[in-house]
Every structure is written in structure tokens, then in C-alpha cells.
Amino acid sequence: MPAEAGSSREAGAARFPAEVTFGNACAALEQATAGLEAGQQEFDLSACRHFDSSLVGVLLELARRASAADGRCAFVGASANLRKLCGLYGVDEMLFGHGAPSAAAANLPRP
């Protein structure tokens, strides 16, 4: 990822940018894919504070691309709000593992 998108690596994880929305989701995916192709397996989401459901799609596609290349990727540092959003879509365990909070565990109201 380019420096302006927060590419500094802490503990070996490539950092996602502070904002991932519909307007820049494709660019964020391509930047992360470049890291994946360079051997990066861990992606730091701690800087992501302004996002919409496009970020969930980016993470799912990045995981799919890693799997298609017989690899894997891990996402660390996700905020509680991002985890709740992923829970609403039912992909929290897929993206963050079995310890991820589900929508019910996040105390979200039931319909």
C-alpha cells in the first residue's frame, strides 16, 4: 500500500487506510492485493475508522484471492464497529476467526 494510505508496517502487518468506502474500495483492494502478491499475509485494520460495507467486501475478496493462490491472510486490529458490521453480514468468523463476536454477542437488537 502506498505511504499515504498508511503502508508502514507494525509487527509485520500491512496497514489499511483510515478510510475505505465505496469511493476508494477498488483502490484499497488493489493495494492490499499487491501486498498479498508480495507475500504479505497479515493486514492491520486498526487505522480504519471511516468505512462502509465496501470494506467488508474488500476483506472478503482479499481473503478469496489469498485462498485462490493457495495462501491465507489474517486481519488484525479491527474496531468493534467493524466487527459488528461483519457480524450483521454473517462473515465475522470467516474474517476474524472463531473468537469473533457475533451480532448477538455485540448486543445488537434483534428484529
PDB file of N, CA and C in Angstrom:
ATOM      1  N   MET A   1       0.842  -1.176   0.000  1.00  0.00           N
ATOM      2  CA  MET A   1       0.000   0.000   0.000  1.00  0.00           C
ATOM      3  C   MET A   1       0.883   1.234   0.000  1.00  0.00           C
ATOM      4  N   PRO A   2       0.487   2.276  -0.685  1.00  0.00           N
ATOM      5  CA  PRO A   2       1.327   3.456  -0.714  1.00  0.00           C
ATOM      6  C   PRO A   2       1.400   4.127   0.650  1.00  0.00           C
ATOM      7  N   ALA A   3       2.461   4.913   0.833  1.00  0.00           N
ATOM      8  CA  ALA A   3       2.690   5.550   2.128  1.00  0.00           C
ATOM      9  C   ALA A   3       1.512   6.391   2.567  1.00  0.00           C
ATOM     10  N   GLU A   4       0.861   7.114   1.633  1.00  0.00           N
ATOM     11  CA  GLU A   4      -0.254   7.952   2.038  1.00  0.00           C
ATOM     12  C   GLU A   4      -1.450   7.137   2.502  1.00  0.00           C
ATOM     13  N   ALA A   5      -1.473   5.865   2.196  1.00  0.00           N
ATOM     14  CA  ALA A   5      -2.565   5.008   2.636  1.00  0.00           C
ATOM     15  C   ALA A   5      -2.219   4.295   3.938  1.00  0.00           C
ATOM     16  N   GLY A   6      -1.110   4.643   4.551  1.00  0.00           N
ATOM     17  CA  GLY A   6      -0.736   4.028   5.816  1.00  0.00           C
ATOM     18  C   GLY A   6       0.002   2.724   5.621  1.00  0.00           C
ATOM     19  N   SER A   7       1.024   2.724   4.798  1.00  0.00           N
ATOM     20  CA  SER A   7       1.698   1.483   4.473  1.00  0.00           C
ATOM     21  C   SER A   7       2.768   1.075   5.480  1.00  0.00           C
ATOM     22  N   SER A   8       3.028   1.883   6.471  1.00  0.00           N
ATOM     23  CA  SER A   8       4.045   1.473   7.431  1.00  0.00           C
ATOM     24  C   SER A   8       3.620   0.179   8.091  1.00  0.00           C
ATOM     25  N   ARG A   9       4.565  -0.693   8.295  1.00  0.00           N
ATOM     26  CA  ARG A   9       4.240  -1.996   8.858  1.00  0.00           C
ATOM     27  C   ARG A   9       4.647  -2.041  10.313  1.00  0.00           C
ATOM     28  N   GLU A  10       3.689  -2.461  11.129  1.00  0.00           N
ATOM     29  CA  GLU A  10       3.949  -2.668  12.538  1.00  0.00           C
ATOM     30  C   GLU A  10       3.713  -4.143  12.808  1.00  0.00           C
ATOM     31  N   ALA A  11       4.657  -4.781  13.417  1.00  0.00           N
ATOM     32  CA  ALA A  11       4.582  -6.203  13.727  1.00  0.00           C
ATOM     33  C   ALA A  11       4.304  -7.035  12.474  1.00  0.00           C
ATOM     34  N   GLY A  12       4.825  -6.589  11.318  1.00  0.00           N
ATOM     35  CA  GLY A  12       4.717  -7.356  10.102  1.00  0.00           C
ATOM     36  C   GLY A  12       3.400  -7.270   9.366  1.00  0.00           C
ATOM     37  N   ALA A  13       2.474  -6.430   9.812  1.00  0.00           N
ATOM     38  CA  ALA A  13       1.170  -6.329   9.162  1.00  0.00           C
ATOM     39  C   ALA A  13       1.107  -5.104   8.263  1.00  0.00           C
ATOM     40  N   ALA A  14       0.557  -5.276   7.064  1.00  0.00           N
ATOM     41  CA  ALA A  14       0.327  -4.141   6.164  1.00  0.00           C
ATOM     42  C   ALA A  14      -0.898  -3.395   6.667  1.00  0.00           C
ATOM     43  N   ARG A  15      -0.791  -2.088   6.738  1.00  0.00           N
ATOM     44  CA  ARG A  15      -1.882  -1.281   7.284  1.00  0.00           C
ATOM     45  C   ARG A  15      -2.859  -0.834   6.206  1.00  0.00           C
ATOM     46  N   PHE A  16      -4.135  -0.999   6.516  1.00  0.00           N
ATOM     47  CA  PHE A  16      -5.180  -0.471   5.651  1.00  0.00           C
ATOM     48  C   PHE A  16      -5.315   1.023   5.916  1.00  0.00           C
ATOM     49  N   PRO A  17      -5.835   1.782   4.952  1.00  0.00           N
ATOM     50  CA  PRO A  17      -6.003   3.232   5.143  1.00  0.00           C
ATOM     51  C   PRO A  17      -7.097   3.544   6.158  1.00  0.00           C
ATOM     52  N   ALA A  18      -7.127   4.784   6.618  1.00  0.00           N
ATOM     53  CA  ALA A  18      -8.104   5.221   7.618  1.00  0.00           C
ATOM     54  C   ALA A  18      -9.525   5.219   7.075  1.00  0.00           C
ATOM     55  N   GLU A  19      -9.661   5.368   5.772  1.00  0.00           N
ATOM     56  CA  GLU A  19     -10.993   5.405   5.160  1.00  0.00           C
ATOM     57  C   GLU A  19     -11.075   4.396   4.024  1.00  0.00           C
ATOM     58  N   VAL A  20     -12.086   3.545   4.095  1.00  0.00           N
ATOM     59  CA  VAL A  20     -12.387   2.629   2.999  1.00  0.00           C
ATOM     60  C   VAL A  20     -13.894   2.685   2.797  1.00  0.00           C
ATOM     61  N   THR A  21     -14.294   3.338   1.718  1.00  0.00           N
ATOM     62  CA  THR A  21     -15.703   3.478   1.375  1.00  0.00           C
ATOM     63  C   THR A  21     -15.879   3.115  -0.096  1.00  0.00           C
ATOM     64  N   PHE A  22     -17.093   3.201  -0.569  1.00  0.00           N
ATOM     65  CA  PHE A  22     -17.390   2.867  -1.957  1.00  0.00           C
ATOM     66  C   PHE A  22     -16.466   3.603  -2.923  1.00  0.00           C
ATOM     67  N   GLY A  23     -16.127   4.844  -2.607  1.00  0.00           N
ATOM     68  CA  GLY A  23     -15.311   5.660  -3.500  1.00  0.00           C
ATOM     69  C   GLY A  23     -13.885   5.192  -3.671  1.00  0.00           C
ATOM     70  N   ASN A  24     -13.321   4.518  -2.688  1.00  0.00           N
ATOM     71  CA  ASN A  24     -11.922   4.090  -2.803  1.00  0.00           C
ATOM     72  C   ASN A  24     -11.719   2.596  -2.531  1.00  0.00           C
ATOM     73  N   ALA A  25     -12.799   1.837  -2.510  1.00  0.00           N
ATOM     74  CA  ALA A  25     -12.693   0.411  -2.186  1.00  0.00           C
ATOM     75  C   ALA A  25     -11.851  -0.355  -3.203  1.00  0.00           C
ATOM     76  N   CYS A  26     -12.033  -0.067  -4.487  1.00  0.00           N
ATOM     77  CA  CYS A  26     -11.253  -0.777  -5.513  1.00  0.00           C
ATOM     78  C   CYS A  26      -9.764  -0.491  -5.364  1.00  0.00           C
ATOM     79  N   ALA A  27      -9.425   0.755  -5.096  1.00  0.00           N
ATOM     80  CA  ALA A  27      -8.017   1.111  -4.910  1.00  0.00           C
ATOM     81  C   ALA A  27      -7.449   0.425  -3.664  1.00  0.00           C
ATOM     82  N   ALA A  28      -8.228   0.392  -2.583  1.00  0.00           N
ATOM     83  CA  ALA A  28      -7.764  -0.275  -1.355  1.00  0.00           C
ATOM     84  C   ALA A  28      -7.549  -1.763  -1.604  1.00  0.00           C
ATOM     85  N   LEU A  29      -8.451  -2.383  -2.362  1.00  0.00           N
ATOM     86  CA  LEU A  29      -8.312  -3.808  -2.680  1.00  0.00           C
ATOM     87  C   LEU A  29      -7.069  -4.061  -3.516  1.00  0.00           C
ATOM     88  N   GLU A  30      -6.846  -3.249  -4.529  1.00  0.00           N
ATOM     89  CA  GLU A  30      -5.683  -3.454  -5.387  1.00  0.00           C
ATOM     90  C   GLU A  30      -4.385  -3.235  -4.619  1.00  0.00           C
ATOM     91  N   GLN A  31      -4.355  -2.264  -3.729  1.00  0.00           N
ATOM     92  CA  GLN A  31      -3.159  -2.025  -2.918  1.00  0.00           C
ATOM     93  C   GLN A  31      -2.899  -3.209  -1.991  1.00  0.00           C
ATOM     94  N   ALA A  32      -3.959  -3.714  -1.377  1.00  0.00           N
ATOM     95  CA  ALA A  32      -3.802  -4.863  -0.480  1.00  0.00           C
ATOM     96  C   ALA A  32      -3.416  -6.112  -1.271  1.00  0.00           C
ATOM     97  N   THR A  33      -3.976  -6.267  -2.465  1.00  0.00           N
ATOM     98  CA  THR A  33      -3.634  -7.409  -3.311  1.00  0.00           C
ATOM     99  C   THR A  33      -2.159  -7.378  -3.687  1.00  0.00           C
ATOM    100  N   ALA A  34      -1.639  -6.198  -3.964  1.00  0.00           N
ATOM    101  CA  ALA A  34      -0.209  -6.079  -4.263  1.00  0.00           C
ATOM    102  C   ALA A  34       0.621  -6.565  -3.078  1.00  0.00           C
ATOM    103  N   GLY A  35       0.202  -6.220  -1.881  1.00  0.00           N
ATOM    104  CA  GLY A  35       0.891  -6.712  -0.688  1.00  0.00           C
ATOM    105  C   GLY A  35       0.789  -8.220  -0.570  1.00  0.00           C
ATOM    106  N   LEU A  36      -0.394  -8.743  -0.845  1.00  0.00           N
ATOM    107  CA  LEU A  36      -0.613 -10.184  -0.799  1.00  0.00           C
ATOM    108  C   LEU A  36       0.297 -10.898  -1.792  1.00  0.00           C
ATOM    109  N   GLU A  37       0.394 -10.366  -2.991  1.00  0.00           N
ATOM    110  CA  GLU A  37       1.244 -10.965  -4.023  1.00  0.00           C
ATOM    111  C   GLU A  37       2.726 -10.868  -3.667  1.00  0.00           C
ATOM    112  N   ALA A  38       3.066  -9.897  -2.816  1.00  0.00           N
ATOM    113  CA  ALA A  38       4.452  -9.740  -2.365  1.00  0.00           C
ATOM    114  C   ALA A  38       4.740 -10.596  -1.134  1.00  0.00           C
ATOM    115  N   GLY A  39       3.759 -11.396  -0.725  1.00  0.00           N
ATOM    116  CA  GLY A  39       3.980 -12.302   0.403  1.00  0.00           C
ATOM    117  C   GLY A  39       3.388 -11.845   1.720  1.00  0.00           C
ATOM    118  N   GLN A  40       2.722 -10.718   1.727  1.00  0.00           N
ATOM    119  CA  GLN A  40       2.096 -10.231   2.955  1.00  0.00           C
ATOM    120  C   GLN A  40       0.919 -11.132   3.303  1.00  0.00           C
ATOM    121  N   GLN A  41       0.822 -11.534   4.567  1.00  0.00           N
ATOM    122  CA  GLN A  41      -0.274 -12.394   4.991  1.00  0.00           C
ATOM    123  C   GLN A  41      -1.132 -11.769   6.078  1.00  0.00           C
ATOM    124  N   GLU A  42      -0.653 -10.727   6.707  1.00  0.00           N
ATOM    125  CA  GLU A  42      -1.390 -10.102   7.804  1.00  0.00           C
ATOM    126  C   GLU A  42      -1.671  -8.651   7.472  1.00  0.00           C
ATOM    127  N   PHE A  43      -2.914  -8.237   7.700  1.00  0.00           N
ATOM    128  CA  PHE A  43      -3.366  -6.892   7.369  1.00  0.00           C
ATOM    129  C   PHE A  43      -3.942  -6.227   8.606  1.00  0.00           C
ATOM    130  N   ASP A  44      -3.398  -5.066   8.930  1.00  0.00           N
ATOM    131  CA  ASP A  44      -3.777  -4.310  10.121  1.00  0.00           C
ATOM    132  C   ASP A  44      -4.921  -3.353   9.785  1.00  0.00           C
ATOM    133  N   LEU A  45      -6.034  -3.530  10.443  1.00  0.00           N
ATOM    134  CA  LEU A  45      -7.222  -2.709  10.214  1.00  0.00           C
ATOM    135  C   LEU A  45      -7.405  -1.627  11.275  1.00  0.00           C
ATOM    136  N   SER A  46      -6.448  -1.468  12.169  1.00  0.00           N
ATOM    137  CA  SER A  46      -6.622  -0.554  13.300  1.00  0.00           C
ATOM    138  C   SER A  46      -6.773   0.908  12.888  1.00  0.00           C
ATOM    139  N   ALA A  47      -6.265   1.288  11.728  1.00  0.00           N
ATOM    140  CA  ALA A  47      -6.399   2.673  11.265  1.00  0.00           C
ATOM    141  C   ALA A  47      -7.761   2.932  10.621  1.00  0.00           C
ATOM    142  N   CYS A  48      -8.487   1.883  10.240  1.00  0.00           N
ATOM    143  CA  CYS A  48      -9.788   2.036   9.557  1.00  0.00           C
ATOM    144  C   CYS A  48     -10.834   2.556  10.537  1.00  0.00           C
ATOM    145  N   ARG A  49     -11.128   3.821  10.431  1.00  0.00           N
ATOM    146  CA  ARG A  49     -12.119   4.436  11.316  1.00  0.00           C
ATOM    147  C   ARG A  49     -13.316   4.983  10.558  1.00  0.00           C
ATOM    148  N   HIS A  50     -13.170   5.192   9.261  1.00  0.00           N
ATOM    149  CA  HIS A  50     -14.274   5.686   8.436  1.00  0.00           C
ATOM    150  C   HIS A  50     -14.459   4.688   7.306  1.00  0.00           C
ATOM    151  N   PHE A  51     -15.545   3.910   7.380  1.00  0.00           N
ATOM    152  CA  PHE A  51     -15.762   2.857   6.399  1.00  0.00           C
ATOM    153  C   PHE A  51     -17.250   2.607   6.243  1.00  0.00           C
ATOM    154  N   ASP A  52     -17.565   1.923   5.155  1.00  0.00           N
ATOM    155  CA  ASP A  52     -18.922   1.448   4.944  1.00  0.00           C
ATOM    156  C   ASP A  52     -18.834  -0.036   4.606  1.00  0.00           C
ATOM    157  N   SER A  53     -19.923  -0.607   4.147  1.00  0.00           N
ATOM    158  CA  SER A  53     -19.929  -2.037   3.877  1.00  0.00           C
ATOM    159  C   SER A  53     -18.962  -2.426   2.759  1.00  0.00           C
ATOM    160  N   SER A  54     -18.463  -1.457   2.017  1.00  0.00           N
ATOM    161  CA  SER A  54     -17.468  -1.754   0.991  1.00  0.00           C
ATOM    162  C   SER A  54     -16.229  -2.388   1.599  1.00  0.00           C
ATOM    163  N   LEU A  55     -15.870  -1.999   2.810  1.00  0.00           N
ATOM    164  CA  LEU A  55     -14.696  -2.580   3.462  1.00  0.00           C
ATOM    165  C   LEU A  55     -14.897  -4.076   3.686  1.00  0.00           C
ATOM    166  N   VAL A  56     -16.103  -4.470   4.056  1.00  0.00           N
ATOM    167  CA  VAL A  56     -16.386  -5.893   4.242  1.00  0.00           C
ATOM    168  C   VAL A  56     -16.145  -6.634   2.928  1.00  0.00           C
ATOM    169  N   GLY A  57     -16.618  -6.062   1.835  1.00  0.00           N
ATOM    170  CA  GLY A  57     -16.400  -6.674   0.526  1.00  0.00           C
ATOM    171  C   GLY A  57     -14.935  -6.769   0.172  1.00  0.00           C
ATOM    172  N   VAL A  58     -14.173  -5.733   0.492  1.00  0.00           N
ATOM    173  CA  VAL A  58     -12.734  -5.734   0.225  1.00  0.00           C
ATOM    174  C   VAL A  58     -12.057  -6.861   1.004  1.00  0.00           C
ATOM    175  N   LEU A  59     -12.405  -7.003   2.262  1.00  0.00           N
ATOM    176  CA  LEU A  59     -11.791  -8.042   3.094  1.00  0.00           C
ATOM    177  C   LEU A  59     -12.152  -9.434   2.580  1.00  0.00           C
ATOM    178  N   LEU A  60     -13.411  -9.623   2.208  1.00  0.00           N
ATOM    179  CA  LEU A  60     -13.831 -10.922   1.683  1.00  0.00           C
ATOM    180  C   LEU A  60     -13.105 -11.253   0.375  1.00  0.00           C
ATOM    181  N   GLU A  61     -12.990 -10.268  -0.492  1.00  0.00           N
ATOM    182  CA  GLU A  61     -12.307 -10.508  -1.775  1.00  0.00           C
ATOM    183  C   GLU A  61     -10.817 -10.758  -1.567  1.00  0.00           C
ATOM    184  N   LEU A  62     -10.212 -10.051  -0.636  1.00  0.00           N
ATOM    185  CA  LEU A  62      -8.797 -10.276  -0.357  1.00  0.00           C
ATOM    186  C   LEU A  62      -8.583 -11.686   0.184  1.00  0.00           C
ATOM    187  N   ALA A  63      -9.457 -12.128   1.073  1.00  0.00           N
ATOM    188  CA  ALA A  63      -9.368 -13.498   1.593  1.00  0.00           C
ATOM    189  C   ALA A  63      -9.580 -14.520   0.476  1.00  0.00           C
ATOM    190  N   ARG A  64     -10.510 -14.238  -0.443  1.00  0.00           N
ATOM    191  CA  ARG A  64     -10.761 -15.130  -1.572  1.00  0.00           C
ATOM    192  C   ARG A  64      -9.534 -15.219  -2.474  1.00  0.00           C
ATOM    193  N   ARG A  65      -8.924 -14.071  -2.753  1.00  0.00           N
ATOM    194  CA  ARG A  65      -7.732 -14.056  -3.607  1.00  0.00           C
ATOM    195  C   ARG A  65      -6.586 -14.821  -2.961  1.00  0.00           C
ATOM    196  N   ALA A  66      -6.440 -14.683  -1.657  1.00  0.00           N
ATOM    197  CA  ALA A  66      -5.384 -15.421  -0.959  1.00  0.00           C
ATOM    198  C   ALA A  66      -5.643 -16.918  -1.059  1.00  0.00           C
ATOM    199  N   SER A  67      -6.878 -17.316  -0.844  1.00  0.00           N
ATOM    200  CA  SER A  67      -7.234 -18.730  -0.915  1.00  0.00           C
ATOM    201  C   SER A  67      -7.047 -19.282  -2.322  1.00  0.00           C
ATOM    202  N   ALA A  68      -7.417 -18.507  -3.332  1.00  0.00           N
ATOM    203  CA  ALA A  68      -7.258 -18.947  -4.723  1.00  0.00           C
ATOM    204  C   ALA A  68      -5.801 -19.162  -5.084  1.00  0.00           C
ATOM    205  N   ALA A  69      -4.907 -18.470  -4.406  1.00  0.00           N
ATOM    206  CA  ALA A  69      -3.470 -18.617  -4.646  1.00  0.00           C
ATOM    207  C   ALA A  69      -2.849 -19.615  -3.667  1.00  0.00           C
ATOM    208  N   ASP A  70      -3.704 -20.445  -3.056  1.00  0.00           N
ATOM    209  CA  ASP A  70      -3.266 -21.441  -2.072  1.00  0.00           C
ATOM    210  C   ASP A  70      -2.547 -20.795  -0.895  1.00  0.00           C
ATOM    211  N   GLY A  71      -2.963 -19.600  -0.548  1.00  0.00           N
ATOM    212  CA  GLY A  71      -2.376 -18.897   0.587  1.00  0.00           C
ATOM    213  C   GLY A  71      -3.433 -18.599   1.630  1.00  0.00           C
ATOM    214  N   ARG A  72      -3.096 -17.700   2.485  1.00  0.00           N
ATOM    215  CA  ARG A  72      -4.034 -17.276   3.521  1.00  0.00           C
ATOM    216  C   ARG A  72      -3.731 -15.842   3.872  1.00  0.00           C
ATOM    217  N   CYS A  73      -4.682 -15.211   4.519  1.00  0.00           N
ATOM    218  CA  CYS A  73      -4.417 -13.881   5.059  1.00  0.00           C
ATOM    219  C   CYS A  73      -5.192 -13.742   6.360  1.00  0.00           C
ATOM    220  N   ALA A  74      -4.701 -12.868   7.204  1.00  0.00           N
ATOM    221  CA  ALA A  74      -5.321 -12.632   8.501  1.00  0.00           C
ATOM    222  C   ALA A  74      -5.535 -11.142   8.669  1.00  0.00           C
ATOM    223  N   PHE A  75      -6.617 -10.800   9.343  1.00  0.00           N
ATOM    224  CA  PHE A  75      -6.947  -9.402   9.594  1.00  0.00           C
ATOM    225  C   PHE A  75      -6.874  -9.159  11.092  1.00  0.00           C
ATOM    226  N   VAL A  76      -6.111  -8.153  11.486  1.00  0.00           N
ATOM    227  CA  VAL A  76      -5.928  -7.830  12.895  1.00  0.00           C
ATOM    228  C   VAL A  76      -6.297  -6.370  13.131  1.00  0.00           C
ATOM    229  N   GLY A  77      -6.601  -6.051  14.376  1.00  0.00           N
ATOM    230  CA  GLY A  77      -6.838  -4.667  14.762  1.00  0.00           C
ATOM    231  C   GLY A  77      -8.185  -4.101  14.364  1.00  0.00           C
ATOM    232  N   ALA A  78      -9.149  -4.941  14.040  1.00  0.00           N
ATOM    233  CA  ALA A  78     -10.464  -4.449  13.640  1.00  0.00           C
ATOM    234  C   ALA A  78     -11.167  -3.800  14.828  1.00  0.00           C
ATOM    235  N   SER A  79     -11.809  -2.670  14.563  1.00  0.00           N
ATOM    236  CA  SER A  79     -12.562  -1.982  15.611  1.00  0.00           C
ATOM    237  C   SER A  79     -13.822  -2.771  15.954  1.00  0.00           C
ATOM    238  N   ALA A  80     -14.409  -2.440  17.092  1.00  0.00           N
ATOM    239  CA  ALA A  80     -15.658  -3.080  17.488  1.00  0.00           C
ATOM    240  C   ALA A  80     -16.751  -2.809  16.463  1.00  0.00           C
ATOM    241  N   ASN A  81     -16.772  -1.611  15.900  1.00  0.00           N
ATOM    242  CA  ASN A  81     -17.795  -1.290  14.898  1.00  0.00           C
ATOM    243  C   ASN A  81     -17.626  -2.127  13.634  1.00  0.00           C
ATOM    244  N   LEU A  82     -16.401  -2.336  13.206  1.00  0.00           N
ATOM    245  CA  LEU A  82     -16.169  -3.167  12.023  1.00  0.00           C
ATOM    246  C   LEU A  82     -16.575  -4.601  12.317  1.00  0.00           C
ATOM    247  N   ARG A  83     -16.249  -5.087  13.486  1.00  0.00           N
ATOM    248  CA  ARG A  83     -16.634  -6.456  13.856  1.00  0.00           C
ATOM    249  C   ARG A  83     -18.155  -6.598  13.917  1.00  0.00           C
ATOM    250  N   LYS A  84     -18.835  -5.577  14.415  1.00  0.00           N
ATOM    251  CA  LYS A  84     -20.304  -5.613  14.448  1.00  0.00           C
ATOM    252  C   LYS A  84     -20.878  -5.636  13.037  1.00  0.00           C
ATOM    253  N   LEU A  85     -20.311  -4.819  12.152  1.00  0.00           N
ATOM    254  CA  LEU A  85     -20.779  -4.796  10.773  1.00  0.00           C
ATOM    255  C   LEU A  85     -20.579  -6.157  10.114  1.00  0.00           C
ATOM    256  N   CYS A  86     -19.428  -6.748  10.324  1.00  0.00           N
ATOM    257  CA  CYS A  86     -19.169  -8.077   9.772  1.00  0.00           C
ATOM    258  C   CYS A  86     -20.128  -9.103  10.371  1.00  0.00           C
ATOM    259  N   GLY A  87     -20.469  -8.935  11.634  1.00  0.00           N
ATOM    260  CA  GLY A  87     -21.438  -9.822  12.276  1.00  0.00           C
ATOM    261  C   GLY A  87     -22.813  -9.710  11.659  1.00  0.00           C
ATOM    262  N   LEU A  88     -23.207  -8.493  11.308  1.00  0.00           N
ATOM    263  CA  LEU A  88     -24.503  -8.293  10.656  1.00  0.00           C
ATOM    264  C   LEU A  88     -24.572  -9.029   9.320  1.00  0.00           C
ATOM    265  N   TYR A  89     -23.442  -9.091   8.626  1.00  0.00           N
ATOM    266  CA  TYR A  89     -23.382  -9.790   7.343  1.00  0.00           C
ATOM    267  C   TYR A  89     -23.089 -11.284   7.511  1.00  0.00           C
ATOM    268  N   GLY A  90     -22.827 -11.710   8.738  1.00  0.00           N
ATOM    269  CA  GLY A  90     -22.573 -13.120   8.998  1.00  0.00           C
ATOM    270  C   GLY A  90     -21.209 -13.614   8.562  1.00  0.00           C
ATOM    271  N   VAL A  91     -20.242 -12.711   8.452  1.00  0.00           N
ATOM    272  CA  VAL A  91     -18.907 -13.109   7.981  1.00  0.00           C
ATOM    273  C   VAL A  91     -17.823 -12.847   9.027  1.00  0.00           C
ATOM    274  N   ASP A  92     -18.216 -12.546  10.253  1.00  0.00           N
ATOM    275  CA  ASP A  92     -17.231 -12.230  11.287  1.00  0.00           C
ATOM    276  C   ASP A  92     -16.297 -13.392  11.574  1.00  0.00           C
ATOM    277  N   GLU A  93     -16.828 -14.600  11.707  1.00  0.00           N
ATOM    278  CA  GLU A  93     -15.961 -15.751  11.970  1.00  0.00           C
ATOM    279  C   GLU A  93     -15.077 -16.064  10.777  1.00  0.00           C
ATOM    280  N   MET A  94     -15.607 -15.873   9.588  1.00  0.00           N
ATOM    281  CA  MET A  94     -14.827 -16.141   8.376  1.00  0.00           C
ATOM    282  C   MET A  94     -13.618 -15.207   8.300  1.00  0.00           C
ATOM    283  N   LEU A  95     -13.817 -13.948   8.667  1.00  0.00           N
ATOM    284  CA  LEU A  95     -12.747 -12.962   8.551  1.00  0.00           C
ATOM    285  C   LEU A  95     -11.831 -12.904   9.767  1.00  0.00           C
ATOM    286  N   PHE A  96     -12.386 -13.117  10.960  1.00  0.00           N
ATOM    287  CA  PHE A  96     -11.612 -12.898  12.178  1.00  0.00           C
ATOM    288  C   PHE A  96     -11.424 -14.145  13.039  1.00  0.00           C
ATOM    289  N   GLY A  97     -11.972 -15.268  12.625  1.00  0.00           N
ATOM    290  CA  GLY A  97     -11.793 -16.499  13.378  1.00  0.00           C
ATOM    291  C   GLY A  97     -12.940 -16.767  14.329  1.00  0.00           C
ATOM    292  N   HIS A  98     -12.821 -17.866  15.027  1.00  0.00           N
ATOM    293  CA  HIS A  98     -13.904 -18.317  15.905  1.00  0.00           C
ATOM    294  C   HIS A  98     -14.104 -17.443  17.124  1.00  0.00           C
ATOM    295  N   GLY A  99     -13.130 -16.649  17.494  1.00  0.00           N
ATOM    296  CA  GLY A  99     -13.268 -15.778  18.656  1.00  0.00           C
ATOM    297  C   GLY A  99     -13.952 -14.462  18.342  1.00  0.00           C
ATOM    298  N   ALA A 100     -14.382 -14.283  17.092  1.00  0.00           N
ATOM    299  CA  ALA A 100     -15.007 -13.024  16.683  1.00  0.00           C
ATOM    300  C   ALA A 100     -16.392 -12.916  17.296  1.00  0.00           C
ATOM    301  N   PRO A 101     -16.748 -11.708  17.754  1.00  0.00           N
ATOM    302  CA  PRO A 101     -18.083 -11.546  18.316  1.00  0.00           C
ATOM    303  C   PRO A 101     -19.135 -11.608  17.230  1.00  0.00           C
ATOM    304  N   SER A 102     -20.194 -12.317  17.506  1.00  0.00           N
ATOM    305  CA  SER A 102     -21.302 -12.371  16.552  1.00  0.00           C
ATOM    306  C   SER A 102     -22.206 -11.168  16.777  1.00  0.00           C
ATOM    307  N   ALA A 103     -23.173 -10.977  15.908  1.00  0.00           N
ATOM    308  CA  ALA A 103     -24.108  -9.865  16.062  1.00  0.00           C
ATOM    309  C   ALA A 103     -24.838  -9.972  17.396  1.00  0.00           C
ATOM    310  N   ALA A 104     -25.179 -11.178  17.807  1.00  0.00           N
ATOM    311  CA  ALA A 104     -25.872 -11.356  19.083  1.00  0.00           C
ATOM    312  C   ALA A 104     -24.957 -10.992  20.246  1.00  0.00           C
ATOM    313  N   ALA A 105     -23.702 -11.396  20.142  1.00  0.00           N
ATOM    314  CA  ALA A 105     -22.750 -11.105  21.211  1.00  0.00           C
ATOM    315  C   ALA A 105     -22.432  -9.630  21.290  1.00  0.00           C
ATOM    316  N   ALA A 106     -22.642  -8.897  20.209  1.00  0.00           N
ATOM    317  CA  ALA A 106     -22.361  -7.469  20.180  1.00  0.00           C
ATOM    318  C   ALA A 106     -23.533  -6.659  20.732  1.00  0.00           C
ATOM    319  N   ASN A 107     -24.528  -7.364  21.305  1.00  0.00           N
ATOM    320  CA  ASN A 107     -25.704  -6.720  21.900  1.00  0.00           C
ATOM    321  C   ASN A 107     -26.479  -5.888  20.906  1.00  0.00           C
ATOM    322  N   LEU A 108     -26.581  -6.365  19.697  1.00  0.00           N
ATOM    323  CA  LEU A 108     -27.378  -5.667  18.696  1.00  0.00           C
ATOM    324  C   LEU A 108     -28.829  -6.094  18.860  1.00  0.00           C
ATOM    325  N   PRO A 109     -29.749  -5.169  18.651  1.00  0.00           N
ATOM    326  CA  PRO A 109     -31.158  -5.530  18.802  1.00  0.00           C
ATOM    327  C   PRO A 109     -31.567  -6.567  17.774  1.00  0.00           C
ATOM    328  N   ARG A 110     -32.427  -7.444  18.182  1.00  0.00           N
ATOM    329  CA  ARG A 110     -32.928  -8.482  17.281  1.00  0.00           C
ATOM    330  C   ARG A 110     -34.177  -7.967  16.594  1.00  0.00           C
ATOM    331  N   PRO A 111     -34.346  -8.324  15.316  1.00  0.00           N
ATOM    332  CA  PRO A 111     -35.550  -7.861  14.592  1.00  0.00           C
ATOM    333  C   PRO A 111     -36.813  -8.473  15.122  1.00  0.00           C
TER     334      PRO A 111
END
